[in-house]
Amino acid sequence: MDNTQTHGKYISWPILTLMAFVTVIGFDDIMYNFKNQGMTVITSWVLMLFLYVIPYSLMVGQLGSVFNQEGGGLSSWIRGTNGEFLGYFTAWTYWAASVPYVVDSANSVVVGFGWAFTGSGKFQDTMSNAQFTLWTFIIFIIFIIIQRRLANSMEFLSVVGGGMMFIMTILFVVLAFIGLAKNGGQMATKPMTVHTIIPNFDLKYWTTLGMLIYAVNGCELIAPYVTQMKKPQREFPKAMIALAVMTAFLTIFGSFALGIYFNAYHLPNDLKMNGSYYAFRALGEQFGLGDTFMYIYAWTSVIYMCALLAVLLDAMTRMLISDTGDKYMPEFLRKTNKDGLPVNGYILTCVLCAFIMFLGVFLPEMNDIFNWLLNLNGIISPGVTCWIFYAFMRIRKNPEKYPSQYVFIKNDKLAYLVGFLLLAVTALATILGIAPQDVTTFSHTWWYELVINIVSVVVLIGLGALLPSIRRRELKYGTAFDRSQWYLMIGLVAFSVIFDVWLGGTKIALRLVYIVLEVIIALALLVVIAHKKPRQN
């Protein structure tokens, strides 16, 4: 069925492909997974593209077509298939998944500035974890303050930075292969055989699957544009196939290009944090340009990450407050100033970001903080992606109720099965991703990261489950809590966080005490939130 839009306002499939490509993959995504799996990631990318990315993208297309009147947002898909509460909770989890991403982006800004000004990673040796966290928080606060004045400029810079990042990535891949030919086929990864790219599908491999999913998700952002195509039934699959081809080129050849400059059998420990800068420095040296490429990439990264950070801080808070309405979101979080900005929403964002940063500050090194935050995204982001497959299963279970211009797999039972399989794989990757990465298994740091992974997920997701109860208290009593109750809850939470941090240095036997104590604290908070009536002033 053709759309009824006026000719000239349709979005062509090549344009939609480019829009989706920007949201799906970037140079850092390739670097992160190269560090996790080495050259075997090439096979992983091939499997992901055909078994995950293509069906995932086509499912998003149908969901966007079904709910085109609601803007095609993820929470609207769940709201339309499962009701208001799950719609709210989806919006919350989508927002919660953005919190580690924002902190990670602020970390990347600090690292980018360091390379842009010093031309090396030596500044990291002189910066303590506390200083790294402090600078991250300062940058975070600066962008909270200035985002209102520079929001439009930052969106423009995001486009510029994103375009430059895309060009730099393509440039690296192309020049790396030219350099390989120029160098007689000599590469850092030796020996290079078929076995070099075949993964060992053990438990360690499956724990890194979440980072692969984190790298390729995000195409749900282009869902609202499906119905703006002239013939979505024909053109949308073309766009997604083209997306897969472009992503395949960048991930497969990009990973191989990294193997030219890095020995995949012995990768640097700080590759996730500094690998991109090492790569462009090596590229420049090979072509006799010194650090030119490295500096260009460093400033490109700074521009892009600064713009992304400012836009995210504003957009994620506004989205949460506006999308959940007054039924489940407490009134004090929906409070706005004279300019219509959700001030308390920004404060909540700051508090949760500070909480995440505080948990990481006690890790051994700055590199550990960066890697942990990145891997935390590999837990929460795939978890949110599960909502997409769940919504798809719901619309294919009741196809008469959810008509669509574009349909992925005409057979409803087969489509439902495909949705279920992707949901199961994504859920498994989320659960296994809780196991710490980049550290020695069962070491002191491994146990500490495991604890703060669980704590982070429970706090970020659990808070969303508590907010509707707080809203009900506002409606029932006129105010959610009196001053003494606020002090009690803040004290319990602060004690829990301090205890979590202290636990990082304890013996394994005390972890049973930790579990019991955390359950008691959680029950105490539930009593205050659900049962204890506030005093009226």
Protein backbone atom coordinates (compact mmCIF):
# COMPACT_ATOMS: atom_id res chain seq x y z
CA MET A 1 0.00 0.00 0.00
CA ASP A 2 1.36 3.42 -0.94
CA ASN A 3 1.42 6.31 1.46
CA THR A 4 -0.72 9.37 0.79
CA GLN A 5 2.00 11.92 1.40
CA THR A 6 2.63 14.61 -1.15
CA HIS A 7 5.24 13.65 -3.71
CA GLY A 8 8.62 15.10 -2.80
CA LYS A 9 8.21 14.57 0.94
CA TYR A 10 8.91 10.86 0.91
CA ILE A 11 12.10 9.52 2.48
CA SER A 12 14.02 7.40 0.01
CA TRP A 13 15.52 4.12 1.10
CA PRO A 14 19.16 5.28 0.63
CA ILE A 15 18.52 8.25 2.97
CA LEU A 16 16.88 5.98 5.56
CA THR A 17 19.87 3.65 5.30
CA LEU A 18 22.28 6.48 6.14
CA MET A 19 20.07 7.66 9.03
CA ALA A 20 20.02 4.13 10.48
CA PHE A 21 23.74 3.59 9.94
CA VAL A 22 24.66 6.58 12.12
CA THR A 23 22.62 5.16 15.02
CA VAL A 24 23.93 1.60 14.73
CA ILE A 25 27.72 1.44 14.45
CA GLY A 26 30.84 3.51 15.04
CA PHE A 27 34.61 3.12 15.22
CA ASP A 28 34.64 2.68 19.00
CA ASP A 29 32.08 -0.15 18.74
CA ILE A 30 34.52 -2.03 16.53
CA MET A 31 37.42 -1.33 18.90
CA TYR A 32 35.56 -2.46 22.04
CA ASN A 33 34.56 -5.80 20.57
CA PHE A 34 37.99 -6.32 19.02
CA LYS A 35 39.42 -6.07 22.53
CA ASN A 36 36.86 -8.60 23.82
CA GLN A 37 37.32 -11.22 21.10
CA GLY A 38 40.36 -10.36 18.99
CA MET A 39 40.24 -11.42 15.33
CA THR A 40 37.53 -14.00 16.10
CA VAL A 41 35.15 -11.04 16.27
CA ILE A 42 35.10 -11.10 12.45
CA THR A 43 33.08 -14.34 12.55
CA SER A 44 30.93 -12.91 15.35
CA TRP A 45 30.09 -9.87 13.21
CA VAL A 46 29.05 -12.06 10.27
CA LEU A 47 26.78 -14.15 12.50
CA MET A 48 25.35 -11.05 14.20
CA LEU A 49 24.57 -9.33 10.91
CA PHE A 50 22.61 -12.18 9.37
CA LEU A 51 21.06 -13.72 12.48
CA TYR A 52 20.42 -10.57 14.51
CA VAL A 53 20.82 -7.17 12.82
CA ILE A 54 18.68 -7.84 9.74
CA PRO A 55 15.68 -9.44 11.51
CA TYR A 56 15.96 -6.93 14.37
CA SER A 57 15.87 -4.02 11.93
CA LEU A 58 12.92 -5.45 9.98
CA MET A 59 10.95 -6.04 13.20
CA VAL A 60 11.54 -2.41 14.13
CA GLY A 61 10.18 -1.43 10.74
CA GLN A 62 6.90 -3.24 11.32
CA LEU A 63 6.53 -1.85 14.86
CA GLY A 64 7.12 1.66 13.55
CA SER A 65 4.49 1.11 10.90
CA VAL A 66 1.90 -0.25 13.35
CA PHE A 67 2.29 2.62 15.83
CA ASN A 68 3.01 5.41 13.35
CA GLN A 69 0.42 7.72 14.92
CA GLU A 70 2.27 7.65 18.26
CA GLY A 71 5.66 8.58 16.89
CA GLY A 72 6.99 5.03 16.83
CA GLY A 73 8.74 5.25 20.20
CA LEU A 74 9.65 2.10 22.12
CA SER A 75 7.44 2.94 25.11
CA SER A 76 4.48 3.59 22.80
CA TRP A 77 4.91 0.12 21.30
CA ILE A 78 4.72 -1.51 24.73
CA ARG A 79 1.92 0.80 25.85
CA GLY A 80 -0.06 -0.12 22.75
CA THR A 81 0.38 -3.87 23.27
CA ASN A 82 0.50 -4.23 27.07
CA GLY A 83 -1.06 -1.17 28.70
CA GLU A 84 -0.02 1.98 30.52
CA PHE A 85 2.14 0.58 33.33
CA LEU A 86 4.46 -1.47 31.13
CA GLY A 87 4.62 1.51 28.78
CA TYR A 88 5.80 3.65 31.67
CA PHE A 89 8.26 1.01 32.87
CA THR A 90 9.70 0.64 29.37
CA ALA A 91 10.23 4.41 29.21
CA TRP A 92 11.96 4.22 32.59
CA THR A 93 14.28 1.33 31.61
CA TYR A 94 15.11 3.10 28.34
CA TRP A 95 16.00 6.18 30.37
CA ALA A 96 17.91 4.14 32.98
CA ALA A 97 19.97 2.56 30.20
CA SER A 98 21.02 6.08 29.21
CA VAL A 99 22.54 6.86 32.62
CA PRO A 100 25.68 4.68 32.25
CA TYR A 101 25.90 5.82 28.62
CA VAL A 102 25.95 9.47 29.69
CA VAL A 103 28.63 8.82 32.32
CA ASP A 104 30.65 6.82 29.79
CA SER A 105 30.31 9.70 27.30
CA ALA A 106 31.60 12.16 29.93
CA ASN A 107 34.54 9.82 30.58
CA SER A 108 35.27 9.76 26.84
CA VAL A 109 35.28 13.57 26.78
CA VAL A 110 37.96 13.62 29.51
CA VAL A 111 40.05 11.04 27.67
CA GLY A 112 39.57 12.86 24.34
CA PHE A 113 40.66 16.20 25.78
CA GLY A 114 43.70 14.52 27.29
CA TRP A 115 44.84 13.16 23.93
CA ALA A 116 43.89 16.35 22.05
CA PHE A 117 46.00 18.57 24.36
CA THR A 118 48.91 16.27 25.25
CA GLY A 119 49.14 14.05 22.16
CA SER A 120 49.51 10.93 24.30
CA GLY A 121 47.93 8.88 27.09
CA LYS A 122 50.62 9.80 29.61
CA PHE A 123 48.25 12.15 31.42
CA GLN A 124 46.40 9.04 32.60
CA ASP A 125 49.46 7.96 34.59
CA THR A 126 49.41 11.21 36.59
CA MET A 127 45.64 11.32 37.12
CA SER A 128 44.19 9.45 40.10
CA ASN A 129 40.82 7.72 40.00
CA ALA A 130 39.37 10.48 42.18
CA GLN A 131 40.64 13.17 39.80
CA PHE A 132 39.29 11.27 36.79
CA THR A 133 35.88 10.98 38.47
CA LEU A 134 35.99 14.63 39.53
CA TRP A 135 36.78 15.86 36.02
CA THR A 136 34.04 13.62 34.63
CA PHE A 137 31.54 15.07 37.10
CA ILE A 138 32.67 18.65 36.38
CA ILE A 139 32.14 18.13 32.65
CA PHE A 140 28.82 16.52 33.42
CA ILE A 141 27.65 19.50 35.51
CA ILE A 142 28.91 22.04 32.95
CA PHE A 143 26.77 20.46 30.26
CA ILE A 144 23.77 20.28 32.57
CA ILE A 145 24.10 24.06 33.03
CA ILE A 146 24.80 25.10 29.44
CA GLN A 147 22.64 22.60 27.54
CA ARG A 148 19.60 24.91 27.54
CA ARG A 149 21.48 27.77 25.89
CA LEU A 150 23.43 25.62 23.45
CA ALA A 151 20.95 22.81 22.73
CA ASN A 152 20.42 23.74 19.07
CA SER A 153 24.12 24.34 18.52
CA MET A 154 24.96 21.02 20.12
CA GLU A 155 22.52 19.18 17.89
CA PHE A 156 24.25 20.77 14.89
CA LEU A 157 27.64 19.81 16.29
CA SER A 158 26.35 16.24 16.78
CA VAL A 159 25.62 16.03 13.07
CA VAL A 160 29.02 17.54 12.22
CA GLY A 161 30.85 15.35 14.74
CA GLY A 162 28.94 12.25 13.68
CA GLY A 163 29.69 12.91 10.01
CA MET A 164 33.37 13.49 10.75
CA MET A 165 33.48 10.29 12.84
CA PHE A 166 31.97 8.33 9.97
CA ILE A 167 34.52 9.78 7.52
CA MET A 168 37.42 9.03 9.88
CA THR A 169 36.26 5.43 10.27
CA ILE A 170 35.99 4.85 6.52
CA LEU A 171 39.34 6.60 6.04
CA PHE A 172 41.00 4.29 8.57
CA VAL A 173 39.69 1.13 6.93
CA VAL A 174 40.64 2.21 3.40
CA LEU A 175 44.10 3.53 4.32
CA ALA A 176 44.83 0.49 6.49
CA PHE A 177 44.40 -1.83 3.49
CA ILE A 178 46.43 0.50 1.25
CA GLY A 179 49.15 0.46 3.90
CA LEU A 180 48.96 -3.35 4.10
CA ALA A 181 49.54 -3.64 0.35
CA LYS A 182 52.32 -1.06 0.55
CA ASN A 183 53.95 -3.04 3.36
CA GLY A 184 53.95 -6.32 1.46
CA GLY A 185 51.08 -7.84 3.43
CA GLN A 186 52.88 -7.66 6.77
CA MET A 187 50.53 -7.29 9.75
CA ALA A 188 50.87 -7.30 13.53
CA THR A 189 48.61 -10.33 14.04
CA LYS A 190 50.69 -13.45 13.38
CA PRO A 191 50.07 -16.19 12.49
CA MET A 192 47.00 -15.22 10.45
CA THR A 193 45.10 -18.43 9.63
CA VAL A 194 41.50 -19.60 9.40
CA HIS A 195 41.67 -20.61 13.07
CA THR A 196 42.52 -17.00 13.97
CA ILE A 197 38.98 -15.89 13.11
CA ILE A 198 37.03 -18.90 14.45
CA PRO A 199 35.66 -18.23 17.96
CA ASN A 200 35.74 -20.70 20.81
CA PHE A 201 32.09 -20.70 21.84
CA ASP A 202 32.78 -21.07 25.57
CA LEU A 203 31.29 -19.23 28.54
CA LYS A 204 33.73 -16.33 28.18
CA TYR A 205 32.57 -15.84 24.59
CA TRP A 206 28.91 -15.71 25.59
CA THR A 207 29.61 -13.16 28.33
CA THR A 208 30.86 -10.76 25.62
CA LEU A 209 27.73 -11.15 23.48
CA GLY A 210 26.01 -8.26 25.26
CA MET A 211 28.67 -5.83 24.02
CA LEU A 212 28.07 -6.98 20.44
CA ILE A 213 24.34 -6.35 20.86
CA TYR A 214 25.07 -2.97 22.46
CA ALA A 215 27.17 -2.10 19.40
CA VAL A 216 24.47 -2.86 16.83
CA ASN A 217 21.25 -1.78 18.58
CA GLY A 218 19.68 1.64 18.16
CA CYS A 219 17.91 1.33 14.83
CA GLU A 220 14.57 1.70 16.64
CA LEU A 221 15.28 5.43 16.47
CA ILE A 222 14.47 5.41 12.74
CA ALA A 223 11.16 3.53 13.17
CA PRO A 224 8.97 6.68 12.91
CA TYR A 225 10.24 7.27 9.37
CA VAL A 226 9.02 3.94 7.95
CA THR A 227 5.60 5.36 7.11
CA GLN A 228 7.24 8.34 5.41
CA MET A 229 8.52 6.08 2.64
CA LYS A 230 6.57 5.90 -0.63
CA LYS A 231 6.40 2.08 -0.70
CA PRO A 232 7.56 0.80 2.71
CA GLN A 233 6.72 -2.83 1.93
CA ARG A 234 9.34 -2.81 -0.84
CA GLU A 235 11.70 0.00 0.13
CA PHE A 236 12.22 -0.63 3.85
CA PRO A 237 13.74 -4.12 3.35
CA LYS A 238 16.07 -2.54 0.76
CA ALA A 239 17.18 0.04 3.33
CA MET A 240 17.83 -2.61 5.96
CA ILE A 241 19.74 -4.87 3.56
CA ALA A 242 21.85 -1.87 2.54
CA LEU A 243 22.37 -1.12 6.25
CA ALA A 244 23.56 -4.69 6.77
CA VAL A 245 25.99 -4.42 3.85
CA MET A 246 27.44 -1.12 5.14
CA THR A 247 27.67 -2.45 8.69
CA ALA A 248 29.30 -5.64 7.39
CA PHE A 249 31.91 -3.63 5.51
CA LEU A 250 32.74 -1.47 8.50
CA THR A 251 32.77 -4.22 11.16
CA ILE A 252 34.44 -7.02 9.21
CA PHE A 253 37.03 -4.99 7.34
CA GLY A 254 37.41 -2.60 10.27
CA SER A 255 38.21 -5.49 12.62
CA PHE A 256 40.66 -6.92 10.09
CA ALA A 257 42.25 -3.47 9.74
CA LEU A 258 42.77 -3.34 13.51
CA GLY A 259 44.58 -6.68 13.24
CA ILE A 260 47.04 -4.98 10.89
CA TYR A 261 48.21 -2.61 13.65
CA PHE A 262 47.51 -4.67 16.80
CA ASN A 263 48.57 -8.22 17.59
CA ALA A 264 45.22 -9.88 18.33
CA TYR A 265 47.00 -12.50 20.46
CA HIS A 266 48.48 -9.85 22.78
CA LEU A 267 46.26 -6.78 22.93
CA PRO A 268 47.07 -3.76 25.15
CA ASN A 269 45.13 -3.71 28.40
CA ASP A 270 43.93 -0.14 27.77
CA LEU A 271 42.75 -0.81 24.20
CA LYS A 272 39.11 0.10 24.92
CA MET A 273 40.05 3.48 26.37
CA ASN A 274 42.99 4.42 24.15
CA GLY A 275 42.88 1.99 21.22
CA SER A 276 41.29 4.43 18.76
CA TYR A 277 44.08 6.96 19.38
CA TYR A 278 46.76 4.25 19.09
CA ALA A 279 45.22 3.12 15.78
CA PHE A 280 45.18 6.56 14.15
CA ARG A 281 48.68 7.30 15.41
CA ALA A 282 49.95 4.06 13.83
CA LEU A 283 48.13 4.95 10.60
CA GLY A 284 49.72 8.39 10.47
CA GLU A 285 53.19 7.03 11.17
CA GLN A 286 52.84 4.46 8.38
CA PHE A 287 52.06 7.19 5.85
CA GLY A 288 54.72 9.59 7.15
CA LEU A 289 52.23 12.03 8.72
CA GLY A 290 53.24 11.55 12.34
CA ASP A 291 50.41 12.29 14.78
CA THR A 292 48.24 14.19 12.28
CA PHE A 293 45.50 11.57 12.04
CA MET A 294 45.55 11.05 15.81
CA TYR A 295 44.98 14.75 16.53
CA ILE A 296 42.22 15.00 13.93
CA TYR A 297 40.51 11.97 15.45
CA ALA A 298 40.96 13.29 19.01
CA TRP A 299 39.24 16.60 18.24
CA THR A 300 36.57 14.82 16.18
CA SER A 301 35.85 12.60 19.19
CA VAL A 302 35.74 15.58 21.57
CA ILE A 303 33.32 17.54 19.35
CA TYR A 304 31.06 14.55 18.84
CA MET A 305 31.05 13.38 22.46
CA CYS A 306 30.50 16.90 23.87
CA ALA A 307 27.55 17.46 21.56
CA LEU A 308 26.14 14.00 22.26
CA LEU A 309 26.48 14.52 26.00
CA ALA A 310 24.62 17.83 26.00
CA VAL A 311 21.79 16.57 23.80
CA LEU A 312 21.46 13.33 25.75
CA LEU A 313 21.24 15.08 29.12
CA ASP A 314 18.35 17.19 27.94
CA ALA A 315 16.57 14.69 25.71
CA MET A 316 16.63 11.71 28.08
CA THR A 317 15.19 13.73 30.98
CA ARG A 318 12.50 15.43 28.91
CA MET A 319 11.54 12.11 27.32
CA LEU A 320 11.06 10.40 30.66
CA ILE A 321 9.07 13.19 32.28
CA SER A 322 6.83 13.90 29.27
CA ASP A 323 6.28 10.31 28.17
CA THR A 324 5.15 8.89 31.52
CA GLY A 325 2.59 11.56 32.39
CA ASP A 326 1.17 12.12 35.87
CA LYS A 327 -0.18 8.63 36.58
CA TYR A 328 3.11 7.00 37.59
CA MET A 329 5.66 9.83 37.80
CA PRO A 330 5.80 11.71 41.15
CA GLU A 331 4.84 15.37 41.01
CA PHE A 332 8.14 16.60 42.44
CA LEU A 333 9.99 15.03 39.48
CA ARG A 334 7.63 16.65 36.97
CA LYS A 335 8.16 20.11 38.44
CA THR A 336 9.39 22.59 35.82
CA ASN A 337 10.88 26.08 36.03
CA LYS A 338 9.69 29.17 34.14
CA ASP A 339 11.45 27.93 31.00
CA GLY A 340 9.66 24.58 31.12
CA LEU A 341 12.73 22.60 32.15
CA PRO A 342 12.24 19.63 34.51
CA VAL A 343 14.65 20.85 37.19
CA ASN A 344 14.17 17.99 39.64
CA GLY A 345 14.45 15.55 36.75
CA TYR A 346 17.91 16.96 36.04
CA ILE A 347 18.76 16.61 39.73
CA LEU A 348 17.70 12.95 39.66
CA THR A 349 19.89 12.41 36.59
CA CYS A 350 22.83 14.05 38.38
CA VAL A 351 22.32 11.98 41.52
CA LEU A 352 22.16 8.66 39.67
CA CYS A 353 25.15 9.53 37.48
CA ALA A 354 27.11 10.53 40.59
CA PHE A 355 26.06 7.24 42.20
CA ILE A 356 27.41 5.27 39.23
CA MET A 357 30.66 7.25 39.25
CA PHE A 358 31.05 6.75 43.01
CA LEU A 359 30.80 2.97 42.65
CA GLY A 360 33.58 2.99 40.05
CA VAL A 361 35.99 5.33 41.80
CA PHE A 362 37.34 2.54 44.04
CA LEU A 363 38.46 0.36 41.16
CA PRO A 364 42.26 -0.07 40.92
CA GLU A 365 42.99 2.11 37.86
CA MET A 366 41.48 4.75 35.58
CA ASN A 367 41.41 2.15 32.81
CA ASP A 368 39.33 -0.16 35.01
CA ILE A 369 36.76 2.60 35.56
CA PHE A 370 36.46 3.20 31.82
CA ASN A 371 36.13 -0.51 31.01
CA TRP A 372 33.63 -1.15 33.80
CA LEU A 373 31.33 1.67 32.72
CA LEU A 374 31.51 0.50 29.13
CA ASN A 375 30.67 -3.07 30.11
CA LEU A 376 27.80 -1.83 32.27
CA ASN A 377 26.28 -0.48 29.06
CA GLY A 378 26.66 -4.00 27.67
CA ILE A 379 24.36 -5.25 30.44
CA ILE A 380 21.62 -2.64 30.57
CA SER A 381 21.32 -1.73 26.89
CA PRO A 382 20.61 -5.30 25.64
CA GLY A 383 18.13 -5.66 28.50
CA VAL A 384 16.15 -2.72 27.13
CA THR A 385 16.33 -4.17 23.61
CA CYS A 386 14.33 -7.15 24.92
CA TRP A 387 11.25 -4.88 24.96
CA ILE A 388 11.44 -4.56 21.16
CA PHE A 389 11.19 -8.29 20.57
CA TYR A 390 8.48 -8.64 23.21
CA ALA A 391 6.39 -5.96 21.50
CA PHE A 392 6.92 -7.64 18.12
CA MET A 393 5.73 -10.97 19.51
CA ARG A 394 2.58 -9.29 20.83
CA ILE A 395 1.62 -7.72 17.50
CA ARG A 396 2.23 -10.98 15.62
CA LYS A 397 0.11 -12.88 18.13
CA ASN A 398 -2.84 -10.57 17.30
CA PRO A 399 -2.21 -9.45 13.68
CA GLU A 400 -5.84 -8.39 13.10
CA LYS A 401 -5.60 -5.94 15.96
CA TYR A 402 -2.33 -4.43 14.72
CA PRO A 403 -2.51 -3.84 10.92
CA SER A 404 0.65 -2.58 9.24
CA GLN A 405 1.75 -1.21 5.88
CA TYR A 406 4.99 -3.16 6.23
CA VAL A 407 5.03 -6.80 7.42
CA PHE A 408 8.16 -8.76 8.32
CA ILE A 409 7.57 -12.48 7.51
CA LYS A 410 4.00 -13.05 6.35
CA ASN A 411 3.55 -16.22 8.41
CA ASP A 412 2.57 -15.07 11.91
CA LYS A 413 3.69 -18.22 13.72
CA LEU A 414 7.12 -18.15 12.10
CA ALA A 415 7.47 -14.41 12.80
CA TYR A 416 6.49 -15.00 16.44
CA LEU A 417 9.12 -17.76 16.73
CA VAL A 418 11.84 -15.52 15.29
CA GLY A 419 10.89 -12.78 17.75
CA PHE A 420 11.01 -15.25 20.64
CA LEU A 421 14.44 -16.56 19.62
CA LEU A 422 15.91 -13.05 19.46
CA LEU A 423 14.31 -12.22 22.80
CA ALA A 424 15.84 -15.34 24.37
CA VAL A 425 19.32 -14.63 22.96
CA THR A 426 19.20 -10.99 24.06
CA ALA A 427 17.97 -11.89 27.56
CA LEU A 428 20.72 -14.50 27.88
CA ALA A 429 23.34 -11.96 26.79
CA THR A 430 22.01 -9.50 29.38
CA ILE A 431 22.26 -12.03 32.21
CA LEU A 432 25.70 -13.35 31.23
CA GLY A 433 26.95 -9.79 30.73
CA ILE A 434 26.77 -9.26 34.49
CA ALA A 435 29.98 -11.28 34.76
CA PRO A 436 32.88 -8.74 34.83
CA GLN A 437 35.06 -8.33 31.75
CA ASP A 438 38.71 -7.27 31.26
CA VAL A 439 39.80 -8.49 34.70
CA THR A 440 41.12 -11.80 36.05
CA THR A 441 38.24 -14.14 36.88
CA PHE A 442 37.52 -14.50 40.63
CA SER A 443 40.15 -11.91 41.50
CA HIS A 444 39.49 -9.17 44.06
CA THR A 445 38.55 -6.70 41.29
CA TRP A 446 36.32 -9.30 39.58
CA TRP A 447 34.26 -9.78 42.75
CA TYR A 448 34.01 -6.05 43.34
CA GLU A 449 32.84 -5.40 39.77
CA LEU A 450 30.31 -8.22 40.07
CA VAL A 451 28.86 -6.59 43.19
CA ILE A 452 28.64 -3.09 41.70
CA ASN A 453 27.20 -4.50 38.44
CA ILE A 454 24.33 -6.04 40.40
CA VAL A 455 23.90 -2.97 42.60
CA SER A 456 23.84 -0.63 39.58
CA VAL A 457 21.20 -2.66 37.74
CA VAL A 458 19.03 -3.10 40.84
CA VAL A 459 19.14 0.61 41.69
CA LEU A 460 18.57 1.92 38.15
CA ILE A 461 15.75 -0.50 37.32
CA GLY A 462 14.35 -0.89 40.84
CA LEU A 463 13.85 2.85 41.30
CA GLY A 464 11.53 2.84 38.31
CA ALA A 465 9.38 0.19 40.00
CA LEU A 466 9.16 2.30 43.18
CA LEU A 467 8.19 5.64 41.63
CA PRO A 468 4.53 4.65 40.95
CA SER A 469 4.17 3.82 44.66
CA ILE A 470 5.53 7.25 45.54
CA ARG A 471 3.05 8.83 43.13
CA ARG A 472 0.18 6.94 44.79
CA ARG A 473 1.29 8.35 48.16
CA GLU A 474 1.17 11.86 46.71
CA LEU A 475 -2.36 11.29 45.49
CA LYS A 476 -3.43 9.72 48.78
CA TYR A 477 -1.74 11.99 51.33
CA GLY A 478 -1.02 15.14 49.34
CA THR A 479 2.71 14.68 49.91
CA ALA A 480 4.87 11.61 49.42
CA PHE A 481 7.10 11.84 52.52
CA ASP A 482 7.75 14.12 55.45
CA ARG A 483 11.22 15.40 56.27
CA SER A 484 12.08 12.63 58.73
CA GLN A 485 11.13 9.95 56.20
CA TRP A 486 13.32 11.58 53.54
CA TYR A 487 16.25 11.61 55.99
CA LEU A 488 15.64 7.95 56.89
CA MET A 489 15.53 6.79 53.26
CA ILE A 490 18.58 8.84 52.26
CA GLY A 491 20.45 7.42 55.26
CA LEU A 492 19.53 3.82 54.37
CA VAL A 493 20.58 4.27 50.75
CA ALA A 494 23.85 6.01 51.71
CA PHE A 495 24.67 3.25 54.20
CA SER A 496 23.93 0.61 51.54
CA VAL A 497 26.25 2.28 49.00
CA ILE A 498 29.07 2.71 51.52
CA PHE A 499 28.68 -0.92 52.57
CA ASP A 500 28.77 -2.05 48.92
CA VAL A 501 32.04 -0.18 48.39
CA TRP A 502 33.58 -1.50 51.60
CA LEU A 503 32.58 -5.01 50.59
CA GLY A 504 34.99 -4.83 47.70
CA GLY A 505 37.83 -5.44 50.15
CA THR A 506 36.28 -8.24 52.16
CA LYS A 507 36.49 -11.99 51.97
CA ILE A 508 34.00 -14.03 49.99
CA ALA A 509 32.42 -15.47 53.16
CA LEU A 510 31.04 -12.04 54.10
CA ARG A 511 29.00 -11.82 50.92
CA LEU A 512 26.23 -13.83 52.58
CA VAL A 513 26.09 -11.08 55.21
CA TYR A 514 25.87 -8.57 52.38
CA ILE A 515 22.87 -10.31 50.82
CA VAL A 516 21.01 -10.50 54.14
CA LEU A 517 21.74 -6.85 54.99
CA GLU A 518 20.71 -5.58 51.55
CA VAL A 519 17.41 -7.48 51.83
CA ILE A 520 16.77 -5.85 55.24
CA ILE A 521 17.54 -2.39 53.82
CA ALA A 522 15.27 -3.01 50.83
CA LEU A 523 12.42 -4.15 53.10
CA ALA A 524 12.90 -1.08 55.32
CA LEU A 525 12.65 1.19 52.27
CA LEU A 526 9.53 -0.62 51.09
CA VAL A 527 7.90 -0.15 54.50
CA VAL A 528 8.58 3.59 54.39
CA ILE A 529 7.46 3.95 50.79
CA ALA A 530 4.38 1.76 50.89
CA HIS A 531 3.06 1.80 54.45
CA LYS A 532 4.29 4.58 56.70
CA LYS A 533 1.99 7.61 56.55
CA PRO A 534 3.79 10.99 56.42
CA ARG A 535 3.19 13.55 59.15
CA GLN A 536 1.11 16.47 57.97
CA ASN A 537 2.67 19.89 58.55
